[in-house]
């Protein structure tokens, strides 16, 4: 999803690629918040590119040449996250042989991006709230509070409102970080973006692996566009990387796609053909036959013998069907 400069990147916006209407709304939101110091929270499913949106916000602001510090709060257990965020002094805990600044201090003058902020425990939430209120941070084992100046961007795929209601996320911190929410659309909602992203990732990974550029044929692309992408852009990127490495020749065909994509595509086609509530079979057949008869008669300017030949049926059957569905003149 990032614009890497490898090959053309149509509809690129800083680190993002996509021309769909929902992505254009994201771009507009980025432009509106970029030059402010407002706290922004990025919300959306996993794999939708929240860190890339954060980097795009930073790329257009006065802090662009300042530190950008990104921390995934779900990547480490809480004791390590504590030291990672706030830093520690020498001897603060076993193994703390030297003093070390935390991520908050390292973001001084720049931007701190906390991904998966909803995974922080209540104690860490309280400590983070104090930092935001007083603009100071105290290292683990330290006694002196240090002044910090940074812009906070956060991200989550959780229902924060439900977590506040359940007492698992502090309400005061929620209001601190939920100043300007930007909703990131799921890939399945981004009409027309899958071919753009696929082309971008093909160029990126073909160049990175020093292999000739590959393309997907239309059948394969149709399957990609019909798939639900539960892992969103990250899942698509991983798939393209695999195809670049594993498919021989310049064209990725239908049979080169993973089985789960093909099974999903077949199941979706079947659900479109026969919805869960079922169909009126006789009525569907009648509509289909009537449509073919009318199309053939239009093509032959109402000549039933010629229409019968076009449909590869006998003239007698053509006349019978026209009487049955009251189509054409006797």
C-alpha atoms as a PDB file:
ATOM      1  CA  UNK A   1       0.000   0.000   0.000  1.00  0.00           C
ATOM      2  CA  UNK A   2       2.999   2.251   0.363  1.00  0.00           C
ATOM      3  CA  UNK A   3       4.255   4.258  -2.578  1.00  0.00           C
ATOM      4  CA  UNK A   4       7.787   3.011  -3.066  1.00  0.00           C
ATOM      5  CA  UNK A   5       8.792   4.792  -6.238  1.00  0.00           C
ATOM      6  CA  UNK A   6       9.148   1.462  -8.080  1.00  0.00           C
ATOM      7  CA  UNK A   7       7.262   1.880 -11.370  1.00  0.00           C
ATOM      8  CA  UNK A   8       4.204   4.053 -11.848  1.00  0.00           C
ATOM      9  CA  UNK A   9       1.913   4.541  -8.855  1.00  0.00           C
ATOM     10  CA  UNK A  10      -1.479   5.803 -10.086  1.00  0.00           C
ATOM     11  CA  UNK A  11      -3.735   7.418  -7.522  1.00  0.00           C
ATOM     12  CA  UNK A  12      -0.884   7.695  -5.018  1.00  0.00           C
ATOM     13  CA  UNK A  13      -1.212   9.971  -1.994  1.00  0.00           C
ATOM     14  CA  UNK A  14       1.982  10.086   0.057  1.00  0.00           C
ATOM     15  CA  UNK A  15       2.323   6.485   1.336  1.00  0.00           C
ATOM     16  CA  UNK A  16      -1.121   5.377   0.133  1.00  0.00           C
ATOM     17  CA  UNK A  17      -2.496   4.007  -3.137  1.00  0.00           C
ATOM     18  CA  UNK A  18      -6.137   3.924  -4.173  1.00  0.00           C
ATOM     19  CA  UNK A  19      -8.606   5.853  -6.274  1.00  0.00           C
ATOM     20  CA  UNK A  20     -11.887   4.666  -4.730  1.00  0.00           C
ATOM     21  CA  UNK A  21     -14.323   7.182  -3.317  1.00  0.00           C
ATOM     22  CA  UNK A  22     -13.852   5.919   0.254  1.00  0.00           C
ATOM     23  CA  UNK A  23     -10.061   6.314  -0.020  1.00  0.00           C
ATOM     24  CA  UNK A  24     -10.477   9.826  -1.413  1.00  0.00           C
ATOM     25  CA  UNK A  25     -12.404  10.670   1.744  1.00  0.00           C
ATOM     26  CA  UNK A  26      -9.440   9.385   3.776  1.00  0.00           C
ATOM     27  CA  UNK A  27      -7.085  11.610   1.752  1.00  0.00           C
ATOM     28  CA  UNK A  28      -9.320  14.620   2.394  1.00  0.00           C
ATOM     29  CA  UNK A  29      -9.333  13.889   6.121  1.00  0.00           C
ATOM     30  CA  UNK A  30      -5.526  13.648   6.143  1.00  0.00           C
ATOM     31  CA  UNK A  31      -5.236  17.048   4.446  1.00  0.00           C
ATOM     32  CA  UNK A  32      -7.589  18.627   6.988  1.00  0.00           C
ATOM     33  CA  UNK A  33      -5.706  17.365  10.058  1.00  0.00           C
ATOM     34  CA  UNK A  34      -2.150  17.458   8.713  1.00  0.00           C
ATOM     35  CA  UNK A  35      -1.234  21.007   9.713  1.00  0.00           C
ATOM     36  CA  UNK A  36      -2.810  20.901  13.152  1.00  0.00           C
ATOM     37  CA  UNK A  37      -1.475  19.462  16.389  1.00  0.00           C
ATOM     38  CA  UNK A  38      -4.767  17.645  16.995  1.00  0.00           C
ATOM     39  CA  UNK A  39      -4.671  14.100  18.307  1.00  0.00           C
ATOM     40  CA  UNK A  40      -5.955  11.679  15.653  1.00  0.00           C
ATOM     41  CA  UNK A  41      -7.176   8.112  16.077  1.00  0.00           C
ATOM     42  CA  UNK A  42      -7.193   5.771  13.076  1.00  0.00           C
ATOM     43  CA  UNK A  43      -9.908   3.144  13.218  1.00  0.00           C
ATOM     44  CA  UNK A  44     -10.466   0.163  10.970  1.00  0.00           C
ATOM     45  CA  UNK A  45      -9.922  -3.534  10.544  1.00  0.00           C
ATOM     46  CA  UNK A  46      -6.516  -5.143  10.869  1.00  0.00           C
ATOM     47  CA  UNK A  47      -4.452  -4.852   7.687  1.00  0.00           C
ATOM     48  CA  UNK A  48      -6.124  -1.688   6.339  1.00  0.00           C
ATOM     49  CA  UNK A  49      -2.905   0.351   6.519  1.00  0.00           C
ATOM     50  CA  UNK A  50      -3.304   2.450   9.656  1.00  0.00           C
ATOM     51  CA  UNK A  51       0.434   3.049  10.105  1.00  0.00           C
ATOM     52  CA  UNK A  52       0.735   4.175   6.486  1.00  0.00           C
ATOM     53  CA  UNK A  53      -2.049   6.689   7.080  1.00  0.00           C
ATOM     54  CA  UNK A  54      -0.185   7.925  10.168  1.00  0.00           C
ATOM     55  CA  UNK A  55       2.990   8.332   8.119  1.00  0.00           C
ATOM     56  CA  UNK A  56       1.009  10.163   5.422  1.00  0.00           C
ATOM     57  CA  UNK A  57      -0.295  12.612   8.030  1.00  0.00           C
ATOM     58  CA  UNK A  58       3.242  13.256   9.233  1.00  0.00           C
ATOM     59  CA  UNK A  59       4.604  13.636   5.692  1.00  0.00           C
ATOM     60  CA  UNK A  60       2.504  16.759   5.159  1.00  0.00           C
ATOM     61  CA  UNK A  61       3.129  18.568   8.460  1.00  0.00           C
ATOM     62  CA  UNK A  62       5.814  20.825   9.931  1.00  0.00           C
ATOM     63  CA  UNK A  63       7.027  17.846  12.012  1.00  0.00           C
ATOM     64  CA  UNK A  64       7.805  15.877   8.829  1.00  0.00           C
ATOM     65  CA  UNK A  65      11.561  16.170   9.375  1.00  0.00           C
ATOM     66  CA  UNK A  66      11.237  15.370  13.080  1.00  0.00           C
ATOM     67  CA  UNK A  67      11.232  11.907  14.693  1.00  0.00           C
ATOM     68  CA  UNK A  68       8.401   9.520  13.874  1.00  0.00           C
ATOM     69  CA  UNK A  69       8.254   6.877  16.574  1.00  0.00           C
ATOM     70  CA  UNK A  70       5.928   3.924  16.026  1.00  0.00           C
ATOM     71  CA  UNK A  71       5.086   1.379  18.702  1.00  0.00           C
ATOM     72  CA  UNK A  72       2.733  -1.597  18.410  1.00  0.00           C
ATOM     73  CA  UNK A  73       1.243  -1.882  21.880  1.00  0.00           C
ATOM     74  CA  UNK A  74       0.161  -5.474  21.235  1.00  0.00           C
ATOM     75  CA  UNK A  75       3.648  -6.665  20.306  1.00  0.00           C
ATOM     76  CA  UNK A  76       5.113  -6.831  23.820  1.00  0.00           C
ATOM     77  CA  UNK A  77       3.888  -7.961  27.261  1.00  0.00           C
ATOM     78  CA  UNK A  78       2.804  -5.151  29.590  1.00  0.00           C
ATOM     79  CA  UNK A  79       6.000  -4.954  31.733  1.00  0.00           C
ATOM     80  CA  UNK A  80       8.118  -4.531  28.608  1.00  0.00           C
ATOM     81  CA  UNK A  81       5.658  -2.046  27.077  1.00  0.00           C
ATOM     82  CA  UNK A  82       5.960   0.027  30.291  1.00  0.00           C
ATOM     83  CA  UNK A  83       9.736   0.300  29.945  1.00  0.00           C
ATOM     84  CA  UNK A  84       9.489   0.716  26.171  1.00  0.00           C
ATOM     85  CA  UNK A  85       7.070   3.637  26.450  1.00  0.00           C
ATOM     86  CA  UNK A  86       8.437   5.474  29.467  1.00  0.00           C
ATOM     87  CA  UNK A  87      12.088   4.412  29.534  1.00  0.00           C
ATOM     88  CA  UNK A  88      14.023   3.413  32.633  1.00  0.00           C
ATOM     89  CA  UNK A  89      16.920   4.438  34.808  1.00  0.00           C
ATOM     90  CA  UNK A  90      19.893   2.215  35.588  1.00  0.00           C
ATOM     91  CA  UNK A  91      18.946  -0.441  38.129  1.00  0.00           C
ATOM     92  CA  UNK A  92      15.206   0.150  37.779  1.00  0.00           C
ATOM     93  CA  UNK A  93      14.713  -3.610  37.361  1.00  0.00           C
ATOM     94  CA  UNK A  94      16.763  -6.754  36.862  1.00  0.00           C
ATOM     95  CA  UNK A  95      18.748  -6.385  33.661  1.00  0.00           C
ATOM     96  CA  UNK A  96      18.538  -2.579  33.549  1.00  0.00           C
ATOM     97  CA  UNK A  97      22.310  -2.108  33.416  1.00  0.00           C
ATOM     98  CA  UNK A  98      22.106   1.322  31.796  1.00  0.00           C
ATOM     99  CA  UNK A  99      19.578   4.141  31.634  1.00  0.00           C
ATOM    100  CA  UNK A 100      17.441   4.210  28.507  1.00  0.00           C
ATOM    101  CA  UNK A 101      14.945   6.742  27.142  1.00  0.00           C
ATOM    102  CA  UNK A 102      11.499   5.482  26.253  1.00  0.00           C
ATOM    103  CA  UNK A 103       9.597   5.874  23.012  1.00  0.00           C
ATOM    104  CA  UNK A 104       7.803   8.959  24.354  1.00  0.00           C
ATOM    105  CA  UNK A 105      11.100  10.752  24.964  1.00  0.00           C
ATOM    106  CA  UNK A 106      12.448   9.631  21.606  1.00  0.00           C
ATOM    107  CA  UNK A 107       9.453  11.287  19.913  1.00  0.00           C
ATOM    108  CA  UNK A 108      10.483  14.680  21.334  1.00  0.00           C
ATOM    109  CA  UNK A 109       9.600  17.376  18.805  1.00  0.00           C
ATOM    110  CA  UNK A 110       8.010  14.842  16.469  1.00  0.00           C
ATOM    111  CA  UNK A 111       5.203  12.287  16.398  1.00  0.00           C
ATOM    112  CA  UNK A 112       4.403   9.245  18.521  1.00  0.00           C
ATOM    113  CA  UNK A 113       2.209   6.628  16.856  1.00  0.00           C
ATOM    114  CA  UNK A 114       0.685   4.037  19.186  1.00  0.00           C
ATOM    115  CA  UNK A 115      -0.834   1.180  17.200  1.00  0.00           C
ATOM    116  CA  UNK A 116      -3.322  -1.178  18.895  1.00  0.00           C
ATOM    117  CA  UNK A 117      -3.673   1.251  21.809  1.00  0.00           C
ATOM    118  CA  UNK A 118      -6.691  -0.685  23.098  1.00  0.00           C
ATOM    119  CA  UNK A 119      -4.360  -3.485  24.262  1.00  0.00           C
ATOM    120  CA  UNK A 120      -2.776  -1.280  26.957  1.00  0.00           C
ATOM    121  CA  UNK A 121      -3.742  -2.276  30.482  1.00  0.00           C
ATOM    122  CA  UNK A 122      -5.536   0.168  32.776  1.00  0.00           C
ATOM    123  CA  UNK A 123      -2.371   1.039  34.721  1.00  0.00           C
ATOM    124  CA  UNK A 124      -0.496   1.969  31.560  1.00  0.00           C
ATOM    125  CA  UNK A 125      -3.523   3.885  30.348  1.00  0.00           C
ATOM    126  CA  UNK A 126      -3.373   5.971  33.538  1.00  0.00           C
ATOM    127  CA  UNK A 127       0.337   6.691  33.059  1.00  0.00           C
ATOM    128  CA  UNK A 128      -0.188   7.665  29.434  1.00  0.00           C
ATOM    129  CA  UNK A 129      -3.057   9.952  30.437  1.00  0.00           C
ATOM    130  CA  UNK A 130      -0.772  11.793  32.889  1.00  0.00           C
ATOM    131  CA  UNK A 131       1.801  12.287  30.131  1.00  0.00           C
ATOM    132  CA  UNK A 132      -0.853  13.788  27.868  1.00  0.00           C
ATOM    133  CA  UNK A 133      -2.205  16.029  30.631  1.00  0.00           C
ATOM    134  CA  UNK A 134       1.091  17.405  31.953  1.00  0.00           C
ATOM    135  CA  UNK A 135       3.388  16.929  28.930  1.00  0.00           C
ATOM    136  CA  UNK A 136       6.000  15.291  31.143  1.00  0.00           C
ATOM    137  CA  UNK A 137       7.333  11.754  31.424  1.00  0.00           C
ATOM    138  CA  UNK A 138       9.087   9.985  34.289  1.00  0.00           C
ATOM    139  CA  UNK A 139      11.281   6.981  33.560  1.00  0.00           C
ATOM    140  CA  UNK A 140      10.882   3.741  35.510  1.00  0.00           C
ATOM    141  CA  UNK A 141      13.017   4.071  38.621  1.00  0.00           C
ATOM    142  CA  UNK A 142      13.397   7.802  38.029  1.00  0.00           C
ATOM    143  CA  UNK A 143      12.426  10.722  40.213  1.00  0.00           C
ATOM    144  CA  UNK A 144      12.628  13.588  37.763  1.00  0.00           C
ATOM    145  CA  UNK A 145       9.886  14.349  35.266  1.00  0.00           C
ATOM    146  CA  UNK A 146      11.112  15.414  31.839  1.00  0.00           C
ATOM    147  CA  UNK A 147       9.243  17.848  29.643  1.00  0.00           C
ATOM    148  CA  UNK A 148       8.111  16.295  26.331  1.00  0.00           C
ATOM    149  CA  UNK A 149       6.586  17.801  23.204  1.00  0.00           C
ATOM    150  CA  UNK A 150       5.116  15.407  20.678  1.00  0.00           C
ATOM    151  CA  UNK A 151       1.996  14.866  18.606  1.00  0.00           C
ATOM    152  CA  UNK A 152       0.063  11.705  19.394  1.00  0.00           C
ATOM    153  CA  UNK A 153      -1.483   9.520  16.712  1.00  0.00           C
ATOM    154  CA  UNK A 154      -3.173   6.271  17.735  1.00  0.00           C
ATOM    155  CA  UNK A 155      -4.853   3.357  16.010  1.00  0.00           C
ATOM    156  CA  UNK A 156      -7.132   0.487  16.931  1.00  0.00           C
ATOM    157  CA  UNK A 157      -9.365  -2.155  15.378  1.00  0.00           C
ATOM    158  CA  UNK A 158     -11.293  -2.591  18.627  1.00  0.00           C
ATOM    159  CA  UNK A 159     -14.683  -1.186  19.648  1.00  0.00           C
ATOM    160  CA  UNK A 160     -13.379   1.385  22.125  1.00  0.00           C
ATOM    161  CA  UNK A 161     -16.861   2.525  23.080  1.00  0.00           C
ATOM    162  CA  UNK A 162     -17.773  -0.992  24.177  1.00  0.00           C
ATOM    163  CA  UNK A 163     -14.474  -1.271  26.070  1.00  0.00           C
ATOM    164  CA  UNK A 164     -15.213   1.984  27.918  1.00  0.00           C
ATOM    165  CA  UNK A 165     -18.687   0.675  28.757  1.00  0.00           C
ATOM    166  CA  UNK A 166     -17.159  -2.553  30.083  1.00  0.00           C
ATOM    167  CA  UNK A 167     -14.554  -0.694  32.155  1.00  0.00           C
ATOM    168  CA  UNK A 168     -11.606  -2.024  30.131  1.00  0.00           C
ATOM    169  CA  UNK A 169     -10.604   1.352  28.693  1.00  0.00           C
ATOM    170  CA  UNK A 170     -10.477   4.595  30.635  1.00  0.00           C
ATOM    171  CA  UNK A 171     -13.187   7.028  29.604  1.00  0.00           C
ATOM    172  CA  UNK A 172     -10.964  10.084  30.192  1.00  0.00           C
ATOM    173  CA  UNK A 173      -8.216   8.632  27.993  1.00  0.00           C
ATOM    174  CA  UNK A 174     -10.814   7.751  25.357  1.00  0.00           C
ATOM    175  CA  UNK A 175     -11.829  11.397  25.100  1.00  0.00           C
ATOM    176  CA  UNK A 176      -8.180  12.459  25.004  1.00  0.00           C
ATOM    177  CA  UNK A 177      -7.340  10.304  21.982  1.00  0.00           C
ATOM    178  CA  UNK A 178     -10.686  10.321  20.152  1.00  0.00           C
ATOM    179  CA  UNK A 179     -10.494  13.986  19.108  1.00  0.00           C
ATOM    180  CA  UNK A 180     -10.465  13.377  15.345  1.00  0.00           C
ATOM    181  CA  UNK A 181     -11.278   9.816  14.254  1.00  0.00           C
ATOM    182  CA  UNK A 182     -10.436   8.726  10.707  1.00  0.00           C
ATOM    183  CA  UNK A 183     -12.195   5.559   9.562  1.00  0.00           C
ATOM    184  CA  UNK A 184     -10.193   3.340   7.216  1.00  0.00           C
ATOM    185  CA  UNK A 185     -12.275   1.280   4.785  1.00  0.00           C
ATOM    186  CA  UNK A 186     -11.859  -2.459   4.444  1.00  0.00           C
ATOM    187  CA  UNK A 187     -10.377  -3.585   1.124  1.00  0.00           C
ATOM    188  CA  UNK A 188     -13.682  -5.209   0.104  1.00  0.00           C
ATOM    189  CA  UNK A 189     -15.279  -1.716   0.268  1.00  0.00           C
ATOM    190  CA  UNK A 190     -12.670  -0.078  -1.974  1.00  0.00           C
ATOM    191  CA  UNK A 191     -14.235  -0.443  -5.420  1.00  0.00           C
ATOM    192  CA  UNK A 192     -11.646  -0.436  -8.186  1.00  0.00           C
ATOM    193  CA  UNK A 193      -8.588  -0.371  -5.908  1.00  0.00           C
ATOM    194  CA  UNK A 194      -7.613  -4.049  -6.063  1.00  0.00           C
ATOM    195  CA  UNK A 195      -6.165  -3.836  -9.616  1.00  0.00           C
ATOM    196  CA  UNK A 196      -4.214  -0.679  -8.634  1.00  0.00           C
ATOM    197  CA  UNK A 197      -2.799  -2.276  -5.504  1.00  0.00           C
ATOM    198  CA  UNK A 198      -2.054  -5.561  -7.264  1.00  0.00           C
ATOM    199  CA  UNK A 199      -0.139  -3.783 -10.025  1.00  0.00           C
ATOM    200  CA  UNK A 200       1.806  -1.785  -7.446  1.00  0.00           C
ATOM    201  CA  UNK A 201       2.777  -4.851  -5.418  1.00  0.00           C
ATOM    202  CA  UNK A 202       3.709  -6.769  -8.571  1.00  0.00           C
ATOM    203  CA  UNK A 203       6.075  -3.977  -9.607  1.00  0.00           C
ATOM    204  CA  UNK A 204       7.480  -3.686  -6.085  1.00  0.00           C
ATOM    205  CA  UNK A 205       8.205  -7.381  -5.535  1.00  0.00           C
ATOM    206  CA  UNK A 206       9.291  -8.185  -9.088  1.00  0.00           C
ATOM    207  CA  UNK A 207      11.898  -5.421  -8.777  1.00  0.00           C
ATOM    208  CA  UNK A 208      12.902  -6.500  -5.265  1.00  0.00           C
ATOM    209  CA  UNK A 209      13.414 -10.109  -6.404  1.00  0.00           C
ATOM    210  CA  UNK A 210      14.992  -9.177  -9.745  1.00  0.00           C
ATOM    211  CA  UNK A 211      12.430 -11.068 -11.823  1.00  0.00           C
ATOM    212  CA  UNK A 212      10.632  -9.880 -14.981  1.00  0.00           C
ATOM    213  CA  UNK A 213       7.380  -8.044 -14.384  1.00  0.00           C
ATOM    214  CA  UNK A 214       4.299 -10.267 -14.107  1.00  0.00           C
ATOM    215  CA  UNK A 215       0.633  -9.555 -14.738  1.00  0.00           C
ATOM    216  CA  UNK A 216      -2.601 -11.275 -13.761  1.00  0.00           C
ATOM    217  CA  UNK A 217      -4.905 -12.412 -16.546  1.00  0.00           C
ATOM    218  CA  UNK A 218      -8.514 -11.249 -16.389  1.00  0.00           C
ATOM    219  CA  UNK A 219      -9.871 -14.475 -14.892  1.00  0.00           C
ATOM    220  CA  UNK A 220      -7.398 -14.302 -12.009  1.00  0.00           C
ATOM    221  CA  UNK A 221      -8.109 -10.589 -11.448  1.00  0.00           C
ATOM    222  CA  UNK A 222     -11.855 -11.282 -11.399  1.00  0.00           C
ATOM    223  CA  UNK A 223     -11.327 -13.728  -8.541  1.00  0.00           C
ATOM    224  CA  UNK A 224      -9.211 -11.217  -6.608  1.00  0.00           C
ATOM    225  CA  UNK A 225     -11.912  -8.571  -7.031  1.00  0.00           C
ATOM    226  CA  UNK A 226     -14.667 -10.925  -5.858  1.00  0.00           C
ATOM    227  CA  UNK A 227     -12.776 -12.198  -2.794  1.00  0.00           C
ATOM    228  CA  UNK A 228     -13.678 -10.815   0.665  1.00  0.00           C
ATOM    229  CA  UNK A 229     -10.081 -10.123   1.878  1.00  0.00           C
ATOM    230  CA  UNK A 230     -10.511 -10.633   5.645  1.00  0.00           C
ATOM    231  CA  UNK A 231      -6.835  -9.665   6.051  1.00  0.00           C
ATOM    232  CA  UNK A 232      -7.325  -6.562   3.876  1.00  0.00           C
ATOM    233  CA  UNK A 233      -4.374  -4.946   2.061  1.00  0.00           C
ATOM    234  CA  UNK A 234      -1.822  -6.875   4.102  1.00  0.00           C
ATOM    235  CA  UNK A 235      -3.338 -10.151   2.881  1.00  0.00           C
ATOM    236  CA  UNK A 236      -3.291  -8.965  -0.732  1.00  0.00           C
ATOM    237  CA  UNK A 237       0.340  -7.857  -0.431  1.00  0.00           C
ATOM    238  CA  UNK A 238       1.373 -11.234   0.999  1.00  0.00           C
ATOM    239  CA  UNK A 239      -0.442 -13.040  -1.816  1.00  0.00           C
ATOM    240  CA  UNK A 240       1.231 -10.986  -4.536  1.00  0.00           C
ATOM    241  CA  UNK A 241       4.646 -11.530  -2.968  1.00  0.00           C
ATOM    242  CA  UNK A 242       4.016 -15.296  -3.033  1.00  0.00           C
ATOM    243  CA  UNK A 243       2.841 -15.210  -6.658  1.00  0.00           C
ATOM    244  CA  UNK A 244       5.933 -13.281  -7.753  1.00  0.00           C
ATOM    245  CA  UNK A 245       8.178 -15.942  -6.259  1.00  0.00           C
ATOM    246  CA  UNK A 246       6.226 -19.088  -7.128  1.00  0.00           C
ATOM    247  CA  UNK A 247       4.660 -18.493 -10.566  1.00  0.00           C
ATOM    248  CA  UNK A 248       6.809 -19.157 -13.619  1.00  0.00           C
ATOM    249  CA  UNK A 249       6.329 -17.011 -16.689  1.00  0.00           C
ATOM    250  CA  UNK A 250       4.980 -13.487 -17.127  1.00  0.00           C
ATOM    251  CA  UNK A 251       1.281 -14.238 -16.533  1.00  0.00           C
ATOM    252  CA  UNK A 252      -0.486 -15.268 -13.344  1.00  0.00           C
ATOM    253  CA  UNK A 253      -3.433 -17.492 -14.288  1.00  0.00           C
ATOM    254  CA  UNK A 254      -6.501 -18.698 -12.453  1.00  0.00           C
ATOM    255  CA  UNK A 255      -4.890 -22.022 -11.542  1.00  0.00           C
ATOM    256  CA  UNK A 256      -1.977 -20.185  -9.895  1.00  0.00           C
ATOM    257  CA  UNK A 257      -4.216 -18.689  -7.195  1.00  0.00           C
ATOM    258  CA  UNK A 258      -4.533 -20.312  -3.743  1.00  0.00           C
ATOM    259  CA  UNK A 259      -7.333 -22.823  -3.340  1.00  0.00           C
ATOM    260  CA  UNK A 260      -9.174 -20.797  -0.688  1.00  0.00           C
ATOM    261  CA  UNK A 261      -9.617 -17.895  -3.121  1.00  0.00           C
ATOM    262  CA  UNK A 262     -11.021 -20.197  -5.796  1.00  0.00           C
ATOM    263  CA  UNK A 263     -13.365 -21.900  -3.332  1.00  0.00           C
ATOM    264  CA  UNK A 264     -14.592 -18.521  -2.079  1.00  0.00           C
ATOM    265  CA  UNK A 265     -15.210 -17.363  -5.645  1.00  0.00           C
ATOM    266  CA  UNK A 266     -17.193 -20.491  -6.488  1.00  0.00           C
ATOM    267  CA  UNK A 267     -19.246 -20.232  -3.296  1.00  0.00           C
ATOM    268  CA  UNK A 268     -20.017 -16.583  -4.008  1.00  0.00           C
ATOM    269  CA  UNK A 269     -21.169 -17.380  -7.533  1.00  0.00           C
ATOM    270  CA  UNK A 270     -23.420 -20.127  -6.177  1.00  0.00           C
ATOM    271  CA  UNK A 271     -24.894 -17.769  -3.554  1.00  0.00           C
ATOM    272  CA  UNK A 272     -25.651 -15.235  -6.275  1.00  0.00           C
ATOM    273  CA  UNK A 273     -27.259 -17.931  -8.424  1.00  0.00           C
ATOM    274  CA  UNK A 274     -29.305 -19.389  -5.572  1.00  0.00           C
ATOM    275  CA  UNK A 275     -29.774 -17.018  -2.582  1.00  0.00           C
ATOM    276  CA  UNK A 276     -30.312 -18.475   0.927  1.00  0.00           C
ATOM    277  CA  UNK A 277     -34.090 -18.039   0.679  1.00  0.00           C
ATOM    278  CA  UNK A 278     -34.172 -20.055  -2.567  1.00  0.00           C
ATOM    279  CA  UNK A 279     -35.723 -19.158  -5.947  1.00  0.00           C
ATOM    280  CA  UNK A 280     -38.894 -19.772  -7.906  1.00  0.00           C
ATOM    281  CA  UNK A 281     -37.304 -22.119 -10.437  1.00  0.00           C
ATOM    282  CA  UNK A 282     -40.128 -22.129 -13.012  1.00  0.00           C
ATOM    283  CA  UNK A 283     -40.357 -18.342 -12.936  1.00  0.00           C
ATOM    284  CA  UNK A 284     -36.582 -17.936 -13.397  1.00  0.00           C
ATOM    285  CA  UNK A 285     -36.597 -20.332 -16.357  1.00  0.00           C
ATOM    286  CA  UNK A 286     -39.554 -18.495 -17.919  1.00  0.00           C
ATOM    287  CA  UNK A 287     -37.796 -15.141 -17.587  1.00  0.00           C
ATOM    288  CA  UNK A 288     -34.637 -16.578 -19.078  1.00  0.00           C
ATOM    289  CA  UNK A 289     -36.456 -18.163 -22.036  1.00  0.00           C
ATOM    290  CA  UNK A 290     -38.440 -14.980 -22.665  1.00  0.00           C
ATOM    291  CA  UNK A 291     -35.287 -12.869 -22.660  1.00  0.00           C
ATOM    292  CA  UNK A 292     -33.599 -15.141 -25.222  1.00  0.00           C
ATOM    293  CA  UNK A 293     -36.670 -15.118 -27.474  1.00  0.00           C
ATOM    294  CA  UNK A 294     -36.962 -11.335 -27.441  1.00  0.00           C
ATOM    295  CA  UNK A 295     -33.229 -10.886 -28.099  1.00  0.00           C
ATOM    296  CA  UNK A 296     -33.300 -13.292 -31.045  1.00  0.00           C
ATOM    297  CA  UNK A 297     -36.372 -11.608 -32.574  1.00  0.00           C
ATOM    298  CA  UNK A 298     -34.765  -8.172 -32.245  1.00  0.00           C
ATOM    299  CA  UNK A 299     -31.633  -9.489 -33.933  1.00  0.00           C
ATOM    300  CA  UNK A 300     -33.681 -10.927 -36.849  1.00  0.00           C
ATOM    301  CA  UNK A 301     -36.136  -8.002 -37.069  1.00  0.00           C
ATOM    302  CA  UNK A 302     -39.034 -10.196 -35.915  1.00  0.00           C
ATOM    303  CA  UNK A 303     -38.457 -13.108 -38.309  1.00  0.00           C
ATOM    304  CA  UNK A 304     -39.257 -16.223 -36.300  1.00  0.00           C
ATOM    305  CA  UNK A 305     -37.667 -18.711 -38.687  1.00  0.00           C
ATOM    306  CA  UNK A 306     -34.388 -16.810 -38.591  1.00  0.00           C
ATOM    307  CA  UNK A 307     -34.683 -16.378 -34.817  1.00  0.00           C
ATOM    308  CA  UNK A 308     -35.208 -20.141 -34.435  1.00  0.00           C
ATOM    309  CA  UNK A 309     -32.081 -20.790 -36.476  1.00  0.00           C
ATOM    310  CA  UNK A 310     -30.156 -18.335 -34.263  1.00  0.00           C
ATOM    311  CA  UNK A 311     -31.324 -20.140 -31.115  1.00  0.00           C
ATOM    312  CA  UNK A 312     -30.759 -23.558 -32.745  1.00  0.00           C
ATOM    313  CA  UNK A 313     -34.315 -24.737 -32.191  1.00  0.00           C
ATOM    314  CA  UNK A 314     -36.972 -25.904 -34.667  1.00  0.00           C
ATOM    315  CA  UNK A 315     -39.340 -23.266 -36.136  1.00  0.00           C
ATOM    316  CA  UNK A 316     -42.333 -25.115 -34.628  1.00  0.00           C
ATOM    317  CA  UNK A 317     -40.833 -24.820 -31.142  1.00  0.00           C
ATOM    318  CA  UNK A 318     -40.081 -21.148 -31.771  1.00  0.00           C
ATOM    319  CA  UNK A 319     -43.713 -20.471 -32.624  1.00  0.00           C
ATOM    320  CA  UNK A 320     -44.901 -22.475 -29.610  1.00  0.00           C
ATOM    321  CA  UNK A 321     -42.647 -20.545 -27.207  1.00  0.00           C
ATOM    322  CA  UNK A 322     -43.690 -17.205 -28.678  1.00  0.00           C
ATOM    323  CA  UNK A 323     -47.359 -18.109 -28.120  1.00  0.00           C
ATOM    324  CA  UNK A 324     -46.560 -19.376 -24.600  1.00  0.00           C
ATOM    325  CA  UNK A 325     -44.888 -16.138 -23.536  1.00  0.00           C
ATOM    326  CA  UNK A 326     -47.004 -13.884 -25.801  1.00  0.00           C
ATOM    327  CA  UNK A 327     -43.956 -12.580 -27.639  1.00  0.00           C
ATOM    328  CA  UNK A 328     -44.019 -11.322 -31.230  1.00  0.00           C
ATOM    329  CA  UNK A 329     -46.827 -11.477 -33.750  1.00  0.00           C
ATOM    330  CA  UNK A 330     -48.463 -14.648 -34.992  1.00  0.00           C
END
